[in-house]
Amino acid sequence: MDAVILGKVNTWLDGSFDDTTKNEIKKLQSSNPDELADAFYRNLEFGTGGLRGIMGVGTNRMNRYTVGMATQGFSNYLKTSFAGQEISVALAHDSRNNSRFFAETAANVFAANGIKVYLFESLRPTPELSFAIRHFGCQGGVVCTASHNPKEYNGYKAYWNDGAQLVPPHDKNVITEVEKIASVDDVKFTGGEKNITIIGKEVDEAYTKMVKGLSVYPEVISKHSDLRIVYTPIHGTGITLVPAVLDAFGFKNVTIVDEQAEPNGDFPTVHYPNPEEKETMSIGLAKAKSLDADILLGTDPDADRVGIGVKDNNGEWVLMNGNQTAVLAFNYLLEARKAKGINQPNDMVITTIVTTGMIDGLASSNDVACYRVLTGFKWIAEMIRLKEGKENYVVGGEESFGLMIGDKIRDKDAVSAVALLCEMAAYEKDKGRTLYQKLVDLYLQYGFYKEDLISITKKGMDGQAQIAAMMEAYRKDPPKQINGSAVKQLLDYELQLGTDPSTGKTWKIDLPKSNVLQFILEDGSIISARPSGTEPKIKFYFSIRQDLDKPEDFDRVNKELDQKIKAIIADMKL
């Protein structure tokens, strides 16, 4: 074993770690040295969003000690940033194995550092954590979740006083403080229990009232209160609030997918608890079909992402992708607010650099400003903060099945999204059509936008290095054309530089640095490459567009666009 790795192992065996941890290390030494090496070859990185990793012993794993050291560093930064003030944080967790344990560990460390802690009594959706930070006027917060990752994973997302995840300079500053924690002996694990307050029902009620206030057409819901809704929480936190919020909106015909209703960190009915996956939504799809439902909705374990299923023009159940869902939501809120006369001259919407360009068209036709930010809702929240008092935020969203409606929270919120999507379904039903038919109508108006995404994972200790090499190769020798179409623009968000390869002309990209490359082709296609900041994974996003002249052409154009994306992927050898 590498001497550095062995040194870390021995530090844990000889240090202030519990006997269970030490025994597990010894077991791995004898039975699985490769896994032991992977568990210690690096420190689990506290990235700009926090921690995420496989659970287990070791410096490269999610456990009591890595969570404790992260929380000690975060505590130190909060105390420096808000010196002389009473500091408080809110804490929540999802249904994953050990999530409650990690949340309680973090709560105890914050409390031992003299920080007041509002800890939810049991699992709650991530968006409610964002709401609670603002509700109590906290200086920060943490939610223990690994979102839609496989069951072996858990995570730790850190929030600032606006209810949003950390952005510069706080993200890097917290990382610096976490890296200063050289030993678990620097962590205050106990001694401040009196600083912990358990919260629950009262925040649920305040949050539900806020979400209900987002409704634009309550009278349409009253007319269609029997809308046939099927909902699956996929063994996650959505079960704690989604049914209650739907009831508050006035929907009376909601069927919960029983097989996936119980919170369970093993996610026994799915491989990945991700509503983006057809396999994950298959039980819900079967239920929706058997009940002849109007809409199917599923939320991920921490209820910040939503997937929806609807019937297509042939009466077959299909799942919409995140871009399609965002288009429907943005369009509804802009059109409905205008029809109700509650739109404002300074209304704005926000999306990301890898989300469908169709949103720009929607915003423009409704005379609403549209801003594009880096991927991640923390950047949407940051734009809201920058525009606060000058422009009125309506909705934000991105392709990864996330929506944030209204500005009372500052992270993606599948609970409010479920309610508004059901209201949208009722609104379209009142007009004698489905959400799918509405989407086709929008394609006729704005053009048929088609997006796809592939994700490539490089496992093992050299996975991150392989992905870094891939990005470096694109930077050093970018393609001159892709699928027969010349690269018109190369946008490098890490260098904050745009380039026209044909002329050599360059310009500055006015966004924070991010390791993303975009290729804008002559035919309008956009290909984006974006490595994950928390996993050895790289995502490639593809966006293309073609006119749709009449509804009857939908299936043909859809197939043509599918073939074009496949051709682009093949040409890039991905």
Foldseek 3Di string as FASTA:
>chain_A
DDPVQVVQLVCQCPDDDDPVQNVVLVVCVPPPVQVSCQQEVDAQAQALFGGKDFDGHHRNHDDLQSLQLLLLLVLVVLCVVPPPDQAEEEEAEKLAVCQVVSRLQSCFQNLLSVHAYEYEPHHAFLQLRLLVLQVVQHQKYWYKAPWFFFLRMITIGIGGSNSFGGDPPVSVSSSVSSVVSPDSVSTRRHDRVVRYDYDYDVSLVVVLVVLLVLDLCLVLCVVPLAQAEEEAALLANCLVHQVVSNVVSRRDHYHYLVVRNHRHSNSVQDRIQALQDCSNCVSVQVVCVVVVGAKYWYAGRNQQFIKIWHAAPVRHIDIDFQLLLVVLLLLCQLVSCVVSVNDDQQEEEEEEPQHAPLSVVSCVVSNHHYYYAHPFLSGVLVVCVVCPPPGAYAKYGYRRRFIDGHSSGRHTHNSSSVNVVVVSQSVVVVVVDGSNVVSLVSCQVRFDKDKDKDKDADDDPCLLVVVVVVLVCCVVDNDQAFLPWGQQWKQAQQVQKIAGVVVRDMDGNPHHRFGKIWTQTPQGKIWMWHADPNHSMIMIMIMHTDHDNDPVCVVVVVVVVVVSVVRRCVRVVD
